[in-house]
Structure formats: C-alpha cells, structure tokens
PDB file of N, CA and C in Angstrom:
ATOM      1  N   MET A   1     113.405 115.450  40.476  1.00  0.00           N
ATOM      2  CA  MET A   1     114.933 115.261  40.425  1.00  0.00           C
ATOM      3  C   MET A   1     115.351 115.898  41.836  1.00  0.00           C
ATOM      4  N   ARG A   2     116.129 115.078  42.573  1.00  0.00           N
ATOM      5  CA  ARG A   2     116.850 115.612  43.709  1.00  0.00           C
ATOM      6  C   ARG A   2     117.872 116.376  43.401  1.00  0.00           C
ATOM      7  N   ASN A   3     118.353 117.332  44.464  1.00  0.00           N
ATOM      8  CA  ASN A   3     119.372 118.221  44.271  1.00  0.00           C
ATOM      9  C   ASN A   3     120.411 117.839  45.420  1.00  0.00           C
ATOM     10  N   PHE A   4     121.594 117.606  45.041  1.00  0.00           N
ATOM     11  CA  PHE A   4     122.701 117.254  46.156  1.00  0.00           C
ATOM     12  C   PHE A   4     122.934 118.408  46.978  1.00  0.00           C
ATOM     13  N   LYS A   5     123.055 119.568  46.230  1.00  0.00           N
ATOM     14  CA  LYS A   5     123.417 120.702  47.105  1.00  0.00           C
ATOM     15  C   LYS A   5     122.313 121.156  48.007  1.00  0.00           C
ATOM     16  N   ASP A   6     121.093 121.050  47.531  1.00  0.00           N
ATOM     17  CA  ASP A   6     119.875 121.358  48.611  1.00  0.00           C
ATOM     18  C   ASP A   6     120.096 120.354  49.736  1.00  0.00           C
ATOM     19  N   TYR A   7     120.375 119.071  49.428  1.00  0.00           N
ATOM     20  CA  TYR A   7     120.561 118.172  50.577  1.00  0.00           C
ATOM     21  C   TYR A   7     121.609 118.607  51.628  1.00  0.00           C
ATOM     22  N   THR A   8     122.810 118.966  51.067  1.00  0.00           N
ATOM     23  CA  THR A   8     123.857 119.433  52.019  1.00  0.00           C
ATOM     24  C   THR A   8     123.566 120.671  52.756  1.00  0.00           C
ATOM     25  N   THR A   9     122.838 121.675  52.006  1.00  0.00           N
ATOM     26  CA  THR A   9     122.373 122.719  52.726  1.00  0.00           C
ATOM     27  C   THR A   9     121.424 122.552  53.798  1.00  0.00           C
ATOM     28  N   ARG A  10     120.535 121.667  53.561  1.00  0.00           N
ATOM     29  CA  ARG A  10     119.615 121.330  54.655  1.00  0.00           C
ATOM     30  C   ARG A  10     120.237 120.584  55.844  1.00  0.00           C
ATOM     31  N   ALA A  11     121.141 119.788  55.529  1.00  0.00           N
ATOM     32  CA  ALA A  11     121.940 118.961  56.575  1.00  0.00           C
ATOM     33  C   ALA A  11     122.830 119.861  57.285  1.00  0.00           C
ATOM     34  N   LEU A  12     123.394 120.780  56.644  1.00  0.00           N
ATOM     35  CA  LEU A  12     124.389 121.848  57.377  1.00  0.00           C
ATOM     36  C   LEU A  12     123.499 122.757  58.366  1.00  0.00           C
ATOM     37  N   ALA A  13     122.197 123.126  57.881  1.00  0.00           N
ATOM     38  CA  ALA A  13     121.398 123.847  58.728  1.00  0.00           C
ATOM     39  C   ALA A  13     120.902 123.049  60.047  1.00  0.00           C
ATOM     40  N   LYS A  14     120.626 121.807  59.738  1.00  0.00           N
ATOM     41  CA  LYS A  14     120.277 121.028  60.882  1.00  0.00           C
ATOM     42  C   LYS A  14     121.282 120.578  61.899  1.00  0.00           C
ATOM     43  N   HIS A  15     122.515 120.276  61.303  1.00  0.00           N
ATOM     44  CA  HIS A  15     123.497 119.732  62.274  1.00  0.00           C
ATOM     45  C   HIS A  15     124.758 120.714  62.559  1.00  0.00           C
ATOM     46  N   GLY A  16     124.774 121.785  61.801  1.00  0.00           N
ATOM     47  CA  GLY A  16     125.824 122.844  62.009  1.00  0.00           C
ATOM     48  C   GLY A  16     127.215 122.171  61.626  1.00  0.00           C
ATOM     49  N   ASP A  17     128.117 122.566  62.436  1.00  0.00           N
ATOM     50  CA  ASP A  17     129.538 122.351  62.247  1.00  0.00           C
ATOM     51  C   ASP A  17     129.840 120.886  62.487  1.00  0.00           C
ATOM     52  N   LYS A  18     128.833 120.085  63.004  1.00  0.00           N
ATOM     53  CA  LYS A  18     129.148 118.603  63.299  1.00  0.00           C
ATOM     54  C   LYS A  18     128.978 117.845  62.036  1.00  0.00           C
ATOM     55  N   PHE A  19     128.211 118.435  60.949  1.00  0.00           N
ATOM     56  CA  PHE A  19     127.961 117.806  59.656  1.00  0.00           C
ATOM     57  C   PHE A  19     129.135 117.405  58.875  1.00  0.00           C
ATOM     58  N   ASP A  20     129.320 116.195  58.535  1.00  0.00           N
ATOM     59  CA  ASP A  20     130.533 115.775  57.828  1.00  0.00           C
ATOM     60  C   ASP A  20     130.123 114.832  56.571  1.00  0.00           C
ATOM     61  N   SER A  21     130.364 115.377  55.425  1.00  0.00           N
ATOM     62  CA  SER A  21     129.955 114.696  54.223  1.00  0.00           C
ATOM     63  C   SER A  21     131.115 113.784  53.585  1.00  0.00           C
ATOM     64  N   SER A  22     132.196 113.530  54.308  1.00  0.00           N
ATOM     65  CA  SER A  22     133.285 112.901  53.784  1.00  0.00           C
ATOM     66  C   SER A  22     133.090 111.448  53.226  1.00  0.00           C
ATOM     67  N   ASP A  23     131.994 110.840  53.845  1.00  0.00           N
ATOM     68  CA  ASP A  23     131.727 109.541  53.466  1.00  0.00           C
ATOM     69  C   ASP A  23     130.727 109.508  52.354  1.00  0.00           C
ATOM     70  N   LEU A  24     130.419 110.561  51.723  1.00  0.00           N
ATOM     71  CA  LEU A  24     129.470 110.578  50.448  1.00  0.00           C
ATOM     72  C   LEU A  24     130.310 110.435  49.310  1.00  0.00           C
ATOM     73  N   ALA A  25     130.462 109.269  48.725  1.00  0.00           N
ATOM     74  CA  ALA A  25     131.380 108.887  47.472  1.00  0.00           C
ATOM     75  C   ALA A  25     130.841 109.765  46.378  1.00  0.00           C
ATOM     76  N   SER A  26     131.589 110.657  45.806  1.00  0.00           N
ATOM     77  CA  SER A  26     131.180 111.602  44.781  1.00  0.00           C
ATOM     78  C   SER A  26     130.768 110.910  43.499  1.00  0.00           C
ATOM     79  N   GLN A  27     131.203 109.736  43.121  1.00  0.00           N
ATOM     80  CA  GLN A  27     130.845 108.985  41.925  1.00  0.00           C
ATOM     81  C   GLN A  27     129.235 108.648  41.979  1.00  0.00           C
ATOM     82  N   PHE A  28     128.464 108.688  43.052  1.00  0.00           N
ATOM     83  CA  PHE A  28     127.188 108.387  43.195  1.00  0.00           C
ATOM     84  C   PHE A  28     126.211 109.672  43.231  1.00  0.00           C
ATOM     85  N   ILE A  29     126.837 110.762  43.142  1.00  0.00           N
ATOM     86  CA  ILE A  29     125.968 111.985  43.182  1.00  0.00           C
ATOM     87  C   ILE A  29     125.218 112.182  42.025  1.00  0.00           C
ATOM     88  N   PRO A  30     125.612 112.033  40.763  1.00  0.00           N
ATOM     89  CA  PRO A  30     124.527 112.084  39.647  1.00  0.00           C
ATOM     90  C   PRO A  30     123.563 111.212  39.683  1.00  0.00           C
ATOM     91  N   TYR A  31     123.653 109.986  40.208  1.00  0.00           N
ATOM     92  CA  TYR A  31     122.701 108.905  40.344  1.00  0.00           C
ATOM     93  C   TYR A  31     121.657 109.253  41.380  1.00  0.00           C
ATOM     94  N   PHE A  32     122.203 109.827  42.515  1.00  0.00           N
ATOM     95  CA  PHE A  32     121.316 110.272  43.529  1.00  0.00           C
ATOM     96  C   PHE A  32     120.391 111.298  43.089  1.00  0.00           C
ATOM     97  N   GLU A  33     120.870 112.384  42.395  1.00  0.00           N
ATOM     98  CA  GLU A  33     120.136 113.315  41.677  1.00  0.00           C
ATOM     99  C   GLU A  33     119.081 112.927  40.753  1.00  0.00           C
ATOM    100  N   SER A  34     119.458 111.979  39.861  1.00  0.00           N
ATOM    101  CA  SER A  34     118.540 111.459  38.763  1.00  0.00           C
ATOM    102  C   SER A  34     117.653 110.353  39.089  1.00  0.00           C
ATOM    103  N   GLN A  35     117.953 109.711  40.329  1.00  0.00           N
ATOM    104  CA  GLN A  35     117.231 108.525  40.709  1.00  0.00           C
ATOM    105  C   GLN A  35     117.235 107.455  39.772  1.00  0.00           C
ATOM    106  N   ALA A  36     118.279 107.372  38.784  1.00  0.00           N
ATOM    107  CA  ALA A  36     118.453 106.377  37.814  1.00  0.00           C
ATOM    108  C   ALA A  36     118.648 104.959  38.535  1.00  0.00           C
ATOM    109  N   ARG A  37     118.145 103.918  38.047  1.00  0.00           N
ATOM    110  CA  ARG A  37     118.430 102.581  38.454  1.00  0.00           C
ATOM    111  C   ARG A  37     119.792 102.114  38.011  1.00  0.00           C
ATOM    112  N   ILE A  38     120.748 101.664  38.847  1.00  0.00           N
ATOM    113  CA  ILE A  38     122.151 101.494  38.427  1.00  0.00           C
ATOM    114  C   ILE A  38     122.478 100.017  38.947  1.00  0.00           C
ATOM    115  N   GLU A  39     123.584  99.494  38.385  1.00  0.00           N
ATOM    116  CA  GLU A  39     124.069  98.229  38.857  1.00  0.00           C
ATOM    117  C   GLU A  39     125.386  98.608  39.475  1.00  0.00           C
ATOM    118  N   VAL A  40     125.721  98.196  40.756  1.00  0.00           N
ATOM    119  CA  VAL A  40     126.933  98.478  41.385  1.00  0.00           C
ATOM    120  C   VAL A  40     127.707  97.247  41.735  1.00  0.00           C
ATOM    121  N   ASP A  41     128.958  97.341  41.395  1.00  0.00           N
ATOM    122  CA  ASP A  41     129.872  96.138  41.771  1.00  0.00           C
ATOM    123  C   ASP A  41     130.588  96.382  43.052  1.00  0.00           C
ATOM    124  N   PHE A  42     130.288  95.609  44.061  1.00  0.00           N
ATOM    125  CA  PHE A  42     130.780  95.803  45.451  1.00  0.00           C
ATOM    126  C   PHE A  42     132.104  95.028  45.680  1.00  0.00           C
ATOM    127  N   GLY A  43     132.648  94.349  44.581  1.00  0.00           N
ATOM    128  CA  GLY A  43     133.779  93.539  44.631  1.00  0.00           C
ATOM    129  C   GLY A  43     133.431  92.125  44.980  1.00  0.00           C
ATOM    130  N   TYR A  44     132.443  91.732  45.756  1.00  0.00           N
ATOM    131  CA  TYR A  44     132.204  90.388  46.149  1.00  0.00           C
ATOM    132  C   TYR A  44     130.696  90.102  45.489  1.00  0.00           C
ATOM    133  N   GLU A  45     129.964  91.001  45.052  1.00  0.00           N
ATOM    134  CA  GLU A  45     128.691  90.668  44.296  1.00  0.00           C
ATOM    135  C   GLU A  45     128.215  91.968  43.483  1.00  0.00           C
ATOM    136  N   LYS A  46     127.252  91.745  42.785  1.00  0.00           N
ATOM    137  CA  LYS A  46     126.790  92.944  41.937  1.00  0.00           C
ATOM    138  C   LYS A  46     125.263  93.122  42.493  1.00  0.00           C
ATOM    139  N   LYS A  47     124.805  94.267  42.524  1.00  0.00           N
ATOM    140  CA  LYS A  47     123.483  94.502  42.976  1.00  0.00           C
ATOM    141  C   LYS A  47     122.851  95.644  42.204  1.00  0.00           C
ATOM    142  N   ARG A  48     121.616  95.617  41.968  1.00  0.00           N
ATOM    143  CA  ARG A  48     120.871  96.859  41.334  1.00  0.00           C
ATOM    144  C   ARG A  48     119.947  97.572  42.182  1.00  0.00           C
ATOM    145  N   GLY A  49     119.834  98.904  41.965  1.00  0.00           N
ATOM    146  CA  GLY A  49     118.995  99.752  42.875  1.00  0.00           C
ATOM    147  C   GLY A  49     119.130 101.253  42.514  1.00  0.00           C
ATOM    148  N   ARG A  50     118.577 102.015  43.347  1.00  0.00           N
ATOM    149  CA  ARG A  50     118.663 103.404  43.342  1.00  0.00           C
ATOM    150  C   ARG A  50     119.497 103.992  44.532  1.00  0.00           C
ATOM    151  N   ILE A  51     120.000 105.184  44.334  1.00  0.00           N
ATOM    152  CA  ILE A  51     120.695 105.765  45.446  1.00  0.00           C
ATOM    153  C   ILE A  51     119.841 106.501  46.509  1.00  0.00           C
ATOM    154  N   GLY A  52     120.052 106.170  47.681  1.00  0.00           N
ATOM    155  CA  GLY A  52     119.536 106.948  48.874  1.00  0.00           C
ATOM    156  C   GLY A  52     120.726 107.405  49.713  1.00  0.00           C
ATOM    157  N   VAL A  53     120.237 108.056  50.785  1.00  0.00           N
ATOM    158  CA  VAL A  53     121.249 108.520  51.864  1.00  0.00           C
ATOM    159  C   VAL A  53     120.941 108.382  53.230  1.00  0.00           C
ATOM    160  N   THR A  54     121.828 108.018  54.124  1.00  0.00           N
ATOM    161  CA  THR A  54     121.482 107.983  55.485  1.00  0.00           C
ATOM    162  C   THR A  54     121.147 109.352  56.044  1.00  0.00           C
ATOM    163  N   THR A  55     120.375 109.406  57.261  1.00  0.00           N
ATOM    164  CA  THR A  55     120.279 110.655  57.898  1.00  0.00           C
ATOM    165  C   THR A  55     121.433 110.780  58.883  1.00  0.00           C
ATOM    166  N   GLY A  56     121.460 111.952  59.625  1.00  0.00           N
ATOM    167  CA  GLY A  56     122.420 112.201  60.559  1.00  0.00           C
ATOM    168  C   GLY A  56     123.529 112.982  60.313  1.00  0.00           C
ATOM    169  N   TRP A  57     124.409 113.212  61.195  1.00  0.00           N
ATOM    170  CA  TRP A  57     125.423 114.405  60.986  1.00  0.00           C
ATOM    171  C   TRP A  57     126.573 113.761  60.085  1.00  0.00           C
ATOM    172  N   LYS A  58     126.791 112.510  59.977  1.00  0.00           N
ATOM    173  CA  LYS A  58     127.739 111.770  59.020  1.00  0.00           C
ATOM    174  C   LYS A  58     127.115 110.832  58.117  1.00  0.00           C
ATOM    175  N   PRO A  59     126.539 111.281  57.128  1.00  0.00           N
ATOM    176  CA  PRO A  59     125.692 110.353  56.231  1.00  0.00           C
ATOM    177  C   PRO A  59     126.624 109.647  55.213  1.00  0.00           C
ATOM    178  N   CYS A  60     125.938 108.650  54.680  1.00  0.00           N
ATOM    179  CA  CYS A  60     126.629 107.777  53.742  1.00  0.00           C
ATOM    180  C   CYS A  60     125.537 107.460  52.547  1.00  0.00           C
ATOM    181  N   PHE A  61     126.052 107.206  51.378  1.00  0.00           N
ATOM    182  CA  PHE A  61     125.064 106.735  50.355  1.00  0.00           C
ATOM    183  C   PHE A  61     124.693 105.265  50.518  1.00  0.00           C
ATOM    184  N   LEU A  62     123.395 104.816  50.208  1.00  0.00           N
ATOM    185  CA  LEU A  62     122.939 103.495  50.303  1.00  0.00           C
ATOM    186  C   LEU A  62     122.494 103.092  48.829  1.00  0.00           C
ATOM    187  N   LEU A  63     122.481 101.812  48.594  1.00  0.00           N
ATOM    188  CA  LEU A  63     121.830 101.219  47.432  1.00  0.00           C
ATOM    189  C   LEU A  63     120.408 100.683  47.839  1.00  0.00           C
ATOM    190  N   MET A  64     119.483 101.374  47.432  1.00  0.00           N
ATOM    191  CA  MET A  64     117.998 100.980  47.812  1.00  0.00           C
ATOM    192  C   MET A  64     117.689 100.079  46.664  1.00  0.00           C
ATOM    193  N   LEU A  65     117.326  98.710  47.085  1.00  0.00           N
ATOM    194  CA  LEU A  65     117.118  97.760  46.097  1.00  0.00           C
ATOM    195  C   LEU A  65     115.794  97.792  45.140  1.00  0.00           C
ATOM    196  N   THR A  66     114.605  98.335  46.018  1.00  0.00           N
ATOM    197  CA  THR A  66     113.495  98.483  45.300  1.00  0.00           C
ATOM    198  C   THR A  66     112.856  99.956  45.665  1.00  0.00           C
ATOM    199  N   THR A  67     111.850 100.239  44.974  1.00  0.00           N
ATOM    200  CA  THR A  67     111.276 101.688  45.201  1.00  0.00           C
ATOM    201  C   THR A  67     110.515 101.611  46.589  1.00  0.00           C
ATOM    202  N   ARG A  68     110.271 100.367  46.981  1.00  0.00           N
ATOM    203  CA  ARG A  68     109.450 100.245  48.476  1.00  0.00           C
ATOM    204  C   ARG A  68     110.430 100.294  49.469  1.00  0.00           C
ATOM    205  N   SER A  69     111.662 100.256  49.365  1.00  0.00           N
ATOM    206  CA  SER A  69     112.753 100.107  50.315  1.00  0.00           C
ATOM    207  C   SER A  69     112.645 101.396  51.195  1.00  0.00           C
ATOM    208  N   ILE A  70     112.884 101.261  52.546  1.00  0.00           N
ATOM    209  CA  ILE A  70     112.961 102.365  53.382  1.00  0.00           C
ATOM    210  C   ILE A  70     114.304 102.297  54.149  1.00  0.00           C
ATOM    211  N   GLY A  71     115.056 101.295  53.886  1.00  0.00           N
ATOM    212  CA  GLY A  71     116.518 101.229  54.313  1.00  0.00           C
ATOM    213  C   GLY A  71     117.351 100.274  53.514  1.00  0.00           C
ATOM    214  N   SER A  72     118.583 100.165  53.738  1.00  0.00           N
ATOM    215  CA  SER A  72     119.405  99.231  53.025  1.00  0.00           C
ATOM    216  C   SER A  72     120.656  98.898  54.018  1.00  0.00           C
ATOM    217  N   SER A  73     121.209  97.694  53.715  1.00  0.00           N
ATOM    218  CA  SER A  73     122.565  97.344  54.340  1.00  0.00           C
ATOM    219  C   SER A  73     123.630  97.495  53.433  1.00  0.00           C
ATOM    220  N   TYR A  74     123.370  97.906  52.238  1.00  0.00           N
ATOM    221  CA  TYR A  74     124.431  98.183  51.119  1.00  0.00           C
ATOM    222  C   TYR A  74     124.683  99.590  51.271  1.00  0.00           C
ATOM    223  N   THR A  75     125.819  99.969  52.080  1.00  0.00           N
ATOM    224  CA  THR A  75     126.511 101.250  52.096  1.00  0.00           C
ATOM    225  C   THR A  75     127.505 101.334  50.945  1.00  0.00           C
ATOM    226  N   LEU A  76     127.507 102.493  50.362  1.00  0.00           N
ATOM    227  CA  LEU A  76     128.417 102.721  49.125  1.00  0.00           C
ATOM    228  C   LEU A  76     129.601 103.574  49.620  1.00  0.00           C
ATOM    229  N   SER A  77     130.842 103.148  49.092  1.00  0.00           N
ATOM    230  CA  SER A  77     131.949 103.826  49.378  1.00  0.00           C
ATOM    231  C   SER A  77     132.615 104.172  48.070  1.00  0.00           C
ATOM    232  N   VAL A  78     133.904 104.846  48.084  1.00  0.00           N
ATOM    233  CA  VAL A  78     134.655 105.125  46.934  1.00  0.00           C
ATOM    234  C   VAL A  78     135.144 103.920  46.247  1.00  0.00           C
ATOM    235  N   SER A  79     135.378 102.843  46.869  1.00  0.00           N
ATOM    236  CA  SER A  79     135.763 101.564  46.254  1.00  0.00           C
ATOM    237  C   SER A  79     134.778 100.896  45.623  1.00  0.00           C
ATOM    238  N   ASP A  80     133.460 101.219  45.687  1.00  0.00           N
ATOM    239  CA  ASP A  80     132.400 100.486  44.802  1.00  0.00           C
ATOM    240  C   ASP A  80     132.206 101.149  43.575  1.00  0.00           C
ATOM    241  N   LYS A  81     131.866 100.346  42.474  1.00  0.00           N
ATOM    242  CA  LYS A  81     131.953 100.852  41.123  1.00  0.00           C
ATOM    243  C   LYS A  81     130.559 100.756  40.435  1.00  0.00           C
ATOM    244  N   VAL A  82     130.126 101.807  39.733  1.00  0.00           N
ATOM    245  CA  VAL A  82     128.996 101.568  38.818  1.00  0.00           C
ATOM    246  C   VAL A  82     129.309 100.883  37.708  1.00  0.00           C
ATOM    247  N   VAL A  83     128.590  99.793  37.503  1.00  0.00           N
ATOM    248  CA  VAL A  83     128.825  98.958  36.292  1.00  0.00           C
ATOM    249  C   VAL A  83     128.047  99.513  35.096  1.00  0.00           C
ATOM    250  N   LYS A  84     126.687  99.665  35.363  1.00  0.00           N
ATOM    251  CA  LYS A  84     125.967 100.326  34.214  1.00  0.00           C
ATOM    252  C   LYS A  84     124.640 100.999  34.781  1.00  0.00           C
ATOM    253  N   VAL A  85     124.118 101.731  33.945  1.00  0.00           N
ATOM    254  CA  VAL A  85     122.813 102.362  34.252  1.00  0.00           C
ATOM    255  C   VAL A  85     121.731 101.362  33.640  1.00  0.00           C
ATOM    256  N   VAL A  86     120.733 100.949  34.548  1.00  0.00           N
ATOM    257  CA  VAL A  86     119.830  99.976  34.024  1.00  0.00           C
ATOM    258  C   VAL A  86     118.627 100.616  33.291  1.00  0.00           C
ATOM    259  N   SER A  87     118.192 101.722  33.818  1.00  0.00           N
ATOM    260  CA  SER A  87     117.103 102.445  33.235  1.00  0.00           C
ATOM    261  C   SER A  87     117.067 103.992  33.743  1.00  0.00           C
ATOM    262  N   ARG A  88     116.469 104.854  33.038  1.00  0.00           N
ATOM    263  CA  ARG A  88     116.394 106.147  33.556  1.00  0.00           C
ATOM    264  C   ARG A  88     114.936 106.609  33.893  1.00  0.00           C
TER     265      ARG A  88
END
C-alpha cells in the first residue's frame, strides 16, 4: 500500500520550496494509496484504471489504464469524478 504523506515528504526533500502539490486532487488520494481500480468520469468519457502520479516539482494525478502502463495522457483534476470502485 502506498502512503501519500511519504510521497509528499520525499518530493519536498527532493524539490524543496519549489514543490507545489496544489494540482493533486484530494478525492483521488485514497485510491492512490490503496491502488484500487476505479472508473472515472471525465465529463466527455469514462475510463477505468489505477491512480499514478507525475514526477517533478508540480505533480498531478494520472489514470493509469493497465498495470503495465508507464505513463498516461489522462490527468485528473478536481472536476473529474470517481464513478465506482471496480475491484480492490
């Protein structure tokens, strides 16, 4: 199980005062930590996957469509909604 607090602590140590977590939508933190597969409504389509996070000093959450995914173009914001948890 991932720990969001550990992630932010490591990022703060790496990037210092430049680190800005304001783009990390808080409704996705529990799913990031549990790695549960969820369905997200983007407003224009629905997709399923697990939550990942970008690297760098201003990260954002990503919807990783498969367990083999190493990146994603589906960035998550506060306007995106979790429709359901598909499995745990």
